[in-house]
Amino acid sequence: MTDHALIDRFRQARRDTSLAVMDGLHAVKHGLRFGAETLELVSPNVDAALNLAAEVAPDIRPRLAAELAQVSEDDFRQLSPVPPDTGVIAIARRPPVSAADVLCGPADAPVVLLENPRNPFNIGAAVRVAAAAGAGGLLVTGMQDPWHPAAIVSAAGLQFALPVARVDGIPDLPRPVIAIDPQGEPMPWGGVPPGAILAFGTERHGASPELLSRAVRRLSIPMTPRVSSLNLATSVAVALYALKV
């Protein structure tokens, strides 16, 4: 028998800005590692999911064993637009994070600012590299939600590993702003404060005049002639790791 209530809860959760839907074991893995409060945690094959967790993330297996609920294959296929092959989907509460929380994090860790990005998969990939590189947080302006289920898949759930928030416009920025701009100074990037805001413009048009006017420096990523752009998340990765060198 179809569990209509469960299907409705997942569909509503995908539109609820207080909740996060984690599609797949890798997103669930990081959510659980970094303190996600789960409301639903389901699989069509609990034994297989636990065996996979024992192989790739043994640290979360005890919690999965305690919380993972069995659902039918038919119901599971209706819980996600693209049901994950790893056979686990969860709903969790989003941590309450504001722009101030992102900007007031560790003073020695850079903050990533994405100005009006258009693609949730790019946002998620940027979150993933920001978490890996030790950024203090990530801020997104514009309409795209960095907690969109597609962004969570692309980030492998690492929204739970660092403060991530969305704002409508560019907020007050209490740290020095370094704009990543094709017209800026080329690498090497000496003298960048460790807690600076690394600001990235839109995938097509780059940083806005308003954002550039806030920047104390503009830095560019060198590229082979006639190659005109890099993927947003790749640019974030280059910039963050260049600061570590």
C-alpha atoms as a PDB file:
ATOM      1  CA  MET A   1       0.000   0.000   0.000  1.00  0.00           C
ATOM      2  CA  THR A   2       1.370   3.434  -0.960  1.00  0.00           C
ATOM      3  CA  ASP A   3       2.375   5.602   2.002  1.00  0.00           C
ATOM      4  CA  HIS A   4       0.877   8.870   0.753  1.00  0.00           C
ATOM      5  CA  ALA A   5       1.661  10.699   3.994  1.00  0.00           C
ATOM      6  CA  LEU A   6       5.367   9.905   3.711  1.00  0.00           C
ATOM      7  CA  ILE A   7       5.478  10.952   0.055  1.00  0.00           C
ATOM      8  CA  ASP A   8       3.707  14.224   0.899  1.00  0.00           C
ATOM      9  CA  ARG A   9       6.163  14.940   3.735  1.00  0.00           C
ATOM     10  CA  PHE A  10       9.113  14.605   1.382  1.00  0.00           C
ATOM     11  CA  ARG A  11       7.490  16.693  -1.341  1.00  0.00           C
ATOM     12  CA  GLN A  12       6.653  19.442   1.128  1.00  0.00           C
ATOM     13  CA  ALA A  13      10.129  19.275   2.674  1.00  0.00           C
ATOM     14  CA  ARG A  14      11.688  20.062  -0.706  1.00  0.00           C
ATOM     15  CA  ARG A  15       9.844  23.401  -0.628  1.00  0.00           C
ATOM     16  CA  ASP A  16      10.284  24.131   3.075  1.00  0.00           C
ATOM     17  CA  THR A  17      13.084  26.619   3.800  1.00  0.00           C
ATOM     18  CA  SER A  18      13.421  25.314   7.360  1.00  0.00           C
ATOM     19  CA  LEU A  19      14.211  21.765   6.175  1.00  0.00           C
ATOM     20  CA  ALA A  20      16.901  20.027   4.156  1.00  0.00           C
ATOM     21  CA  VAL A  21      16.378  16.931   2.011  1.00  0.00           C
ATOM     22  CA  MET A  22      19.475  14.765   1.679  1.00  0.00           C
ATOM     23  CA  ASP A  23      19.307  12.467  -1.349  1.00  0.00           C
ATOM     24  CA  GLY A  24      21.800   9.631  -1.063  1.00  0.00           C
ATOM     25  CA  LEU A  25      24.138   8.127   1.475  1.00  0.00           C
ATOM     26  CA  HIS A  26      26.970  10.576   0.841  1.00  0.00           C
ATOM     27  CA  ALA A  27      24.799  13.585   1.676  1.00  0.00           C
ATOM     28  CA  VAL A  28      23.324  11.765   4.670  1.00  0.00           C
ATOM     29  CA  LYS A  29      26.820  10.741   5.781  1.00  0.00           C
ATOM     30  CA  HIS A  30      28.034  14.319   6.080  1.00  0.00           C
ATOM     31  CA  GLY A  31      24.773  15.497   7.544  1.00  0.00           C
ATOM     32  CA  LEU A  32      25.033  12.968  10.364  1.00  0.00           C
ATOM     33  CA  ARG A  33      28.748  13.630  10.899  1.00  0.00           C
ATOM     34  CA  PHE A  34      28.117  17.331  11.363  1.00  0.00           C
ATOM     35  CA  GLY A  35      25.119  17.184  13.647  1.00  0.00           C
ATOM     36  CA  ALA A  36      22.053  17.128  11.411  1.00  0.00           C
ATOM     37  CA  GLU A  37      18.798  16.603  13.288  1.00  0.00           C
ATOM     38  CA  THR A  38      16.961  14.089  11.125  1.00  0.00           C
ATOM     39  CA  LEU A  39      13.174  13.928  10.945  1.00  0.00           C
ATOM     40  CA  GLU A  40      12.940  11.135   8.355  1.00  0.00           C
ATOM     41  CA  LEU A  41      15.615   8.614   7.384  1.00  0.00           C
ATOM     42  CA  VAL A  42      14.441   5.902   4.999  1.00  0.00           C
ATOM     43  CA  SER A  43      15.608   3.152   2.663  1.00  0.00           C
ATOM     44  CA  PRO A  44      13.958   0.444   0.549  1.00  0.00           C
ATOM     45  CA  ASN A  45      16.669  -1.996   1.673  1.00  0.00           C
ATOM     46  CA  VAL A  46      17.941  -1.264   5.170  1.00  0.00           C
ATOM     47  CA  ASP A  47      20.393  -4.178   5.244  1.00  0.00           C
ATOM     48  CA  ALA A  48      22.037  -3.091   1.979  1.00  0.00           C
ATOM     49  CA  ALA A  49      22.238   0.511   3.172  1.00  0.00           C
ATOM     50  CA  LEU A  50      23.878  -0.561   6.434  1.00  0.00           C
ATOM     51  CA  ASN A  51      26.354  -2.752   4.576  1.00  0.00           C
ATOM     52  CA  LEU A  52      27.281   0.155   2.302  1.00  0.00           C
ATOM     53  CA  ALA A  53      27.668   2.446   5.301  1.00  0.00           C
ATOM     54  CA  ALA A  54      29.955  -0.093   6.959  1.00  0.00           C
ATOM     55  CA  GLU A  55      32.139   0.059   3.855  1.00  0.00           C
ATOM     56  CA  VAL A  56      32.247   3.803   3.119  1.00  0.00           C
ATOM     57  CA  ALA A  57      31.289   5.511   6.387  1.00  0.00           C
ATOM     58  CA  PRO A  58      31.510   3.120   9.349  1.00  0.00           C
ATOM     59  CA  ASP A  59      31.356   6.018  11.804  1.00  0.00           C
ATOM     60  CA  ILE A  60      27.693   6.698  10.959  1.00  0.00           C
ATOM     61  CA  ARG A  61      26.527   3.093  10.787  1.00  0.00           C
ATOM     62  CA  PRO A  62      25.368   2.903  14.439  1.00  0.00           C
ATOM     63  CA  ARG A  63      23.123   5.921  13.987  1.00  0.00           C
ATOM     64  CA  LEU A  64      21.781   4.597  10.704  1.00  0.00           C
ATOM     65  CA  ALA A  65      21.060   1.267  12.373  1.00  0.00           C
ATOM     66  CA  ALA A  66      19.094   3.071  15.070  1.00  0.00           C
ATOM     67  CA  GLU A  67      17.119   5.453  12.832  1.00  0.00           C
ATOM     68  CA  LEU A  68      16.818   4.013   9.319  1.00  0.00           C
ATOM     69  CA  ALA A  69      13.256   2.993   8.469  1.00  0.00           C
ATOM     70  CA  GLN A  70      12.232   0.518   5.786  1.00  0.00           C
ATOM     71  CA  VAL A  71       9.961   1.749   2.989  1.00  0.00           C
ATOM     72  CA  SER A  72       8.707   0.027  -0.128  1.00  0.00           C
ATOM     73  CA  GLU A  73      10.582   0.308  -3.426  1.00  0.00           C
ATOM     74  CA  ASP A  74       7.574   2.004  -4.999  1.00  0.00           C
ATOM     75  CA  ASP A  75       7.332   4.608  -2.251  1.00  0.00           C
ATOM     76  CA  PHE A  76      11.087   5.247  -2.291  1.00  0.00           C
ATOM     77  CA  ARG A  77      10.991   6.029  -6.020  1.00  0.00           C
ATOM     78  CA  GLN A  78       8.430   8.754  -5.323  1.00  0.00           C
ATOM     79  CA  LEU A  79      10.470  10.498  -2.625  1.00  0.00           C
ATOM     80  CA  SER A  80      12.994  12.046  -5.022  1.00  0.00           C
ATOM     81  CA  PRO A  81      13.015  13.276  -8.630  1.00  0.00           C
ATOM     82  CA  VAL A  82      16.106  11.088  -9.088  1.00  0.00           C
ATOM     83  CA  PRO A  83      16.058   8.287  -6.489  1.00  0.00           C
ATOM     84  CA  PRO A  84      19.640   7.747  -5.315  1.00  0.00           C
ATOM     85  CA  ASP A  85      21.345   4.469  -6.131  1.00  0.00           C
ATOM     86  CA  THR A  86      22.731   4.333  -2.593  1.00  0.00           C
ATOM     87  CA  GLY A  87      19.205   3.769  -1.321  1.00  0.00           C
ATOM     88  CA  VAL A  88      19.008   6.343   1.478  1.00  0.00           C
ATOM     89  CA  ILE A  89      17.048   9.608   1.696  1.00  0.00           C
ATOM     90  CA  ALA A  90      16.573  11.840   4.731  1.00  0.00           C
ATOM     91  CA  ILE A  91      14.850  14.990   5.887  1.00  0.00           C
ATOM     92  CA  ALA A  92      16.653  17.118   8.461  1.00  0.00           C
ATOM     93  CA  ARG A  93      16.173  20.491  10.069  1.00  0.00           C
ATOM     94  CA  ARG A  94      18.314  23.227   8.593  1.00  0.00           C
ATOM     95  CA  PRO A  95      20.552  24.880  11.166  1.00  0.00           C
ATOM     96  CA  PRO A  96      19.476  28.513  11.701  1.00  0.00           C
ATOM     97  CA  VAL A  97      22.269  30.469   9.988  1.00  0.00           C
ATOM     98  CA  SER A  98      22.191  34.179   9.128  1.00  0.00           C
ATOM     99  CA  ALA A  99      24.554  36.307   7.072  1.00  0.00           C
ATOM    100  CA  ALA A 100      25.930  37.663  10.341  1.00  0.00           C
ATOM    101  CA  ASP A 101      26.706  34.116  11.489  1.00  0.00           C
ATOM    102  CA  VAL A 102      28.666  33.503   8.278  1.00  0.00           C
ATOM    103  CA  LEU A 103      30.569  36.789   8.472  1.00  0.00           C
ATOM    104  CA  CYS A 104      31.333  36.572  12.188  1.00  0.00           C
ATOM    105  CA  GLY A 105      32.996  33.171  12.038  1.00  0.00           C
ATOM    106  CA  PRO A 106      36.678  32.437  12.737  1.00  0.00           C
ATOM    107  CA  ALA A 107      38.732  35.547  12.011  1.00  0.00           C
ATOM    108  CA  ASP A 108      41.542  33.573  10.370  1.00  0.00           C
ATOM    109  CA  ALA A 109      39.350  31.593   7.940  1.00  0.00           C
ATOM    110  CA  PRO A 110      38.281  32.993   4.551  1.00  0.00           C
ATOM    111  CA  VAL A 111      34.603  33.443   3.725  1.00  0.00           C
ATOM    112  CA  VAL A 112      33.275  32.678   0.241  1.00  0.00           C
ATOM    113  CA  LEU A 113      30.704  35.065  -1.246  1.00  0.00           C
ATOM    114  CA  LEU A 114      28.833  33.947  -4.380  1.00  0.00           C
ATOM    115  CA  GLU A 115      27.028  36.856  -6.005  1.00  0.00           C
ATOM    116  CA  ASN A 116      23.783  35.804  -7.645  1.00  0.00           C
ATOM    117  CA  PRO A 117      24.848  32.344  -8.861  1.00  0.00           C
ATOM    118  CA  ARG A 118      22.381  30.702 -11.238  1.00  0.00           C
ATOM    119  CA  ASN A 119      22.988  26.980 -10.874  1.00  0.00           C
ATOM    120  CA  PRO A 120      22.321  25.061  -7.639  1.00  0.00           C
ATOM    121  CA  PHE A 121      24.794  22.353  -8.646  1.00  0.00           C
ATOM    122  CA  ASN A 122      27.535  25.003  -8.926  1.00  0.00           C
ATOM    123  CA  ILE A 123      26.567  26.322  -5.510  1.00  0.00           C
ATOM    124  CA  GLY A 124      26.736  22.865  -3.992  1.00  0.00           C
ATOM    125  CA  ALA A 125      30.129  22.164  -5.557  1.00  0.00           C
ATOM    126  CA  ALA A 126      31.391  25.469  -4.138  1.00  0.00           C
ATOM    127  CA  VAL A 127      30.099  24.509  -0.693  1.00  0.00           C
ATOM    128  CA  ARG A 128      31.894  21.187  -0.981  1.00  0.00           C
ATOM    129  CA  VAL A 129      35.276  22.720  -1.789  1.00  0.00           C
ATOM    130  CA  ALA A 130      34.802  25.478   0.801  1.00  0.00           C
ATOM    131  CA  ALA A 131      34.290  22.851   3.482  1.00  0.00           C
ATOM    132  CA  ALA A 132      37.285  20.844   2.273  1.00  0.00           C
ATOM    133  CA  ALA A 133      39.569  23.889   2.155  1.00  0.00           C
ATOM    134  CA  GLY A 134      38.656  25.099   5.632  1.00  0.00           C
ATOM    135  CA  ALA A 135      36.618  28.180   4.739  1.00  0.00           C
ATOM    136  CA  GLY A 136      34.804  29.830   7.621  1.00  0.00           C
ATOM    137  CA  GLY A 137      31.504  29.986   5.764  1.00  0.00           C
ATOM    138  CA  LEU A 138      29.735  30.603   2.472  1.00  0.00           C
ATOM    139  CA  LEU A 139      27.254  33.321   1.607  1.00  0.00           C
ATOM    140  CA  VAL A 140      24.997  33.404  -1.465  1.00  0.00           C
ATOM    141  CA  THR A 141      23.175  36.477  -2.754  1.00  0.00           C
ATOM    142  CA  GLY A 142      20.223  36.344  -5.119  1.00  0.00           C
ATOM    143  CA  MET A 143      17.371  33.923  -5.570  1.00  0.00           C
ATOM    144  CA  GLN A 144      19.098  30.547  -5.529  1.00  0.00           C
ATOM    145  CA  ASP A 145      18.920  28.607  -2.265  1.00  0.00           C
ATOM    146  CA  PRO A 146      22.250  27.052  -1.209  1.00  0.00           C
ATOM    147  CA  TRP A 147      20.168  24.456   0.668  1.00  0.00           C
ATOM    148  CA  HIS A 148      18.190  23.412  -2.405  1.00  0.00           C
ATOM    149  CA  PRO A 149      18.123  19.589  -2.637  1.00  0.00           C
ATOM    150  CA  ALA A 150      20.204  19.725  -5.840  1.00  0.00           C
ATOM    151  CA  ALA A 151      22.816  21.861  -4.072  1.00  0.00           C
ATOM    152  CA  ILE A 152      22.857  19.426  -1.160  1.00  0.00           C
ATOM    153  CA  VAL A 153      23.488  16.501  -3.527  1.00  0.00           C
ATOM    154  CA  SER A 154      26.293  18.412  -5.263  1.00  0.00           C
ATOM    155  CA  ALA A 155      27.817  19.385  -1.908  1.00  0.00           C
ATOM    156  CA  ALA A 156      27.479  15.832  -0.553  1.00  0.00           C
ATOM    157  CA  GLY A 157      25.640  17.315   2.426  1.00  0.00           C
ATOM    158  CA  LEU A 158      28.514  19.556   3.510  1.00  0.00           C
ATOM    159  CA  GLN A 159      26.151  22.466   4.098  1.00  0.00           C
ATOM    160  CA  PHE A 160      26.088  21.001   7.615  1.00  0.00           C
ATOM    161  CA  ALA A 161      29.881  21.346   7.945  1.00  0.00           C
ATOM    162  CA  LEU A 162      30.132  25.148   7.776  1.00  0.00           C
ATOM    163  CA  PRO A 163      27.782  28.142   8.041  1.00  0.00           C
ATOM    164  CA  VAL A 164      25.904  28.594   4.752  1.00  0.00           C
ATOM    165  CA  ALA A 165      23.249  31.242   4.169  1.00  0.00           C
ATOM    166  CA  ARG A 166      21.409  33.195   1.458  1.00  0.00           C
ATOM    167  CA  VAL A 167      20.644  36.927   1.414  1.00  0.00           C
ATOM    168  CA  ASP A 168      18.718  39.041  -1.094  1.00  0.00           C
ATOM    169  CA  GLY A 169      21.477  41.609  -1.670  1.00  0.00           C
ATOM    170  CA  ILE A 170      25.059  42.292  -0.696  1.00  0.00           C
ATOM    171  CA  PRO A 171      25.095  42.817   3.083  1.00  0.00           C
ATOM    172  CA  ASP A 172      27.468  44.915   5.150  1.00  0.00           C
ATOM    173  CA  LEU A 173      30.835  43.185   4.855  1.00  0.00           C
ATOM    174  CA  PRO A 174      32.971  43.605   7.987  1.00  0.00           C
ATOM    175  CA  ARG A 175      36.036  41.921   6.462  1.00  0.00           C
ATOM    176  CA  PRO A 176      38.276  42.952   3.569  1.00  0.00           C
ATOM    177  CA  VAL A 177      36.771  41.906   0.247  1.00  0.00           C
ATOM    178  CA  ILE A 178      38.935  40.303  -2.439  1.00  0.00           C
ATOM    179  CA  ALA A 179      37.088  40.145  -5.761  1.00  0.00           C
ATOM    180  CA  ILE A 180      38.047  37.332  -8.112  1.00  0.00           C
ATOM    181  CA  ASP A 181      37.979  39.247 -11.393  1.00  0.00           C
ATOM    182  CA  PRO A 182      39.480  38.454 -14.837  1.00  0.00           C
ATOM    183  CA  GLN A 183      40.746  42.058 -14.974  1.00  0.00           C
ATOM    184  CA  GLY A 184      42.480  41.854 -11.605  1.00  0.00           C
ATOM    185  CA  GLU A 185      46.101  41.307 -10.599  1.00  0.00           C
ATOM    186  CA  PRO A 186      47.367  37.880 -11.641  1.00  0.00           C
ATOM    187  CA  MET A 187      48.593  35.276  -9.178  1.00  0.00           C
ATOM    188  CA  PRO A 188      50.622  34.914  -6.981  1.00  0.00           C
ATOM    189  CA  TRP A 189      48.285  36.404  -4.425  1.00  0.00           C
ATOM    190  CA  GLY A 190      50.597  37.549  -1.678  1.00  0.00           C
ATOM    191  CA  GLY A 191      49.278  39.762   1.074  1.00  0.00           C
ATOM    192  CA  VAL A 192      45.686  38.519   1.183  1.00  0.00           C
ATOM    193  CA  PRO A 193      44.409  38.603   4.791  1.00  0.00           C
ATOM    194  CA  PRO A 194      43.617  35.055   5.985  1.00  0.00           C
ATOM    195  CA  GLY A 195      40.073  35.994   6.985  1.00  0.00           C
ATOM    196  CA  ALA A 196      39.193  37.899   3.815  1.00  0.00           C
ATOM    197  CA  ILE A 197      35.948  37.548   1.896  1.00  0.00           C
ATOM    198  CA  LEU A 198      36.638  35.924  -1.478  1.00  0.00           C
ATOM    199  CA  ALA A 199      33.911  37.276  -3.747  1.00  0.00           C
ATOM    200  CA  PHE A 200      32.856  35.612  -6.997  1.00  0.00           C
ATOM    201  CA  GLY A 201      30.454  37.080  -9.540  1.00  0.00           C
ATOM    202  CA  THR A 202      27.881  35.375 -11.705  1.00  0.00           C
ATOM    203  CA  GLU A 203      28.860  32.550 -14.007  1.00  0.00           C
ATOM    204  CA  ARG A 204      28.204  34.669 -17.123  1.00  0.00           C
ATOM    205  CA  HIS A 205      28.726  38.329 -16.201  1.00  0.00           C
ATOM    206  CA  GLY A 206      31.220  38.255 -13.344  1.00  0.00           C
ATOM    207  CA  ALA A 207      31.114  40.527 -10.305  1.00  0.00           C
ATOM    208  CA  SER A 208      28.742  43.482 -10.326  1.00  0.00           C
ATOM    209  CA  PRO A 209      30.005  47.086 -10.122  1.00  0.00           C
ATOM    210  CA  GLU A 210      28.589  47.236  -6.585  1.00  0.00           C
ATOM    211  CA  LEU A 211      30.574  44.219  -5.471  1.00  0.00           C
ATOM    212  CA  LEU A 212      33.736  45.425  -7.213  1.00  0.00           C
ATOM    213  CA  SER A 213      33.382  48.794  -5.481  1.00  0.00           C
ATOM    214  CA  ARG A 214      33.542  47.005  -2.115  1.00  0.00           C
ATOM    215  CA  ALA A 215      36.770  45.187  -2.973  1.00  0.00           C
ATOM    216  CA  VAL A 216      40.135  46.231  -1.581  1.00  0.00           C
ATOM    217  CA  ARG A 217      41.831  44.143  -4.280  1.00  0.00           C
ATOM    218  CA  ARG A 218      40.900  42.413  -7.506  1.00  0.00           C
ATOM    219  CA  LEU A 219      42.730  39.188  -8.250  1.00  0.00           C
ATOM    220  CA  SER A 220      42.616  37.050 -11.379  1.00  0.00           C
ATOM    221  CA  ILE A 221      43.149  33.368 -12.071  1.00  0.00           C
ATOM    222  CA  PRO A 222      45.542  32.992 -15.019  1.00  0.00           C
ATOM    223  CA  MET A 223      44.226  30.928 -17.922  1.00  0.00           C
ATOM    224  CA  THR A 224      45.494  29.734 -21.274  1.00  0.00           C
ATOM    225  CA  PRO A 225      44.830  32.284 -24.047  1.00  0.00           C
ATOM    226  CA  ARG A 226      41.398  31.994 -25.681  1.00  0.00           C
ATOM    227  CA  VAL A 227      40.032  30.043 -22.695  1.00  0.00           C
ATOM    228  CA  SER A 228      37.500  32.536 -21.427  1.00  0.00           C
ATOM    229  CA  SER A 229      36.177  31.151 -18.169  1.00  0.00           C
ATOM    230  CA  LEU A 230      36.263  28.570 -15.405  1.00  0.00           C
ATOM    231  CA  ASN A 231      33.401  26.796 -13.690  1.00  0.00           C
ATOM    232  CA  LEU A 232      32.365  28.715 -10.574  1.00  0.00           C
ATOM    233  CA  ALA A 233      33.246  25.933  -8.139  1.00  0.00           C
ATOM    234  CA  THR A 234      36.608  25.432  -9.865  1.00  0.00           C
ATOM    235  CA  SER A 235      37.354  29.132  -9.396  1.00  0.00           C
ATOM    236  CA  VAL A 236      36.445  28.858  -5.719  1.00  0.00           C
ATOM    237  CA  ALA A 237      38.758  25.864  -5.362  1.00  0.00           C
ATOM    238  CA  VAL A 238      41.682  27.612  -7.069  1.00  0.00           C
ATOM    239  CA  ALA A 239      41.284  30.722  -4.941  1.00  0.00           C
ATOM    240  CA  LEU A 240      40.939  28.929  -1.619  1.00  0.00           C
ATOM    241  CA  TYR A 241      43.882  26.625  -2.196  1.00  0.00           C
ATOM    242  CA  ALA A 242      46.029  29.438  -3.614  1.00  0.00           C
ATOM    243  CA  LEU A 243      45.701  31.127  -0.221  1.00  0.00           C
ATOM    244  CA  LYS A 244      47.025  27.988   1.473  1.00  0.00           C
ATOM    245  CA  VAL A 245      50.243  27.912  -0.560  1.00  0.00           C
END
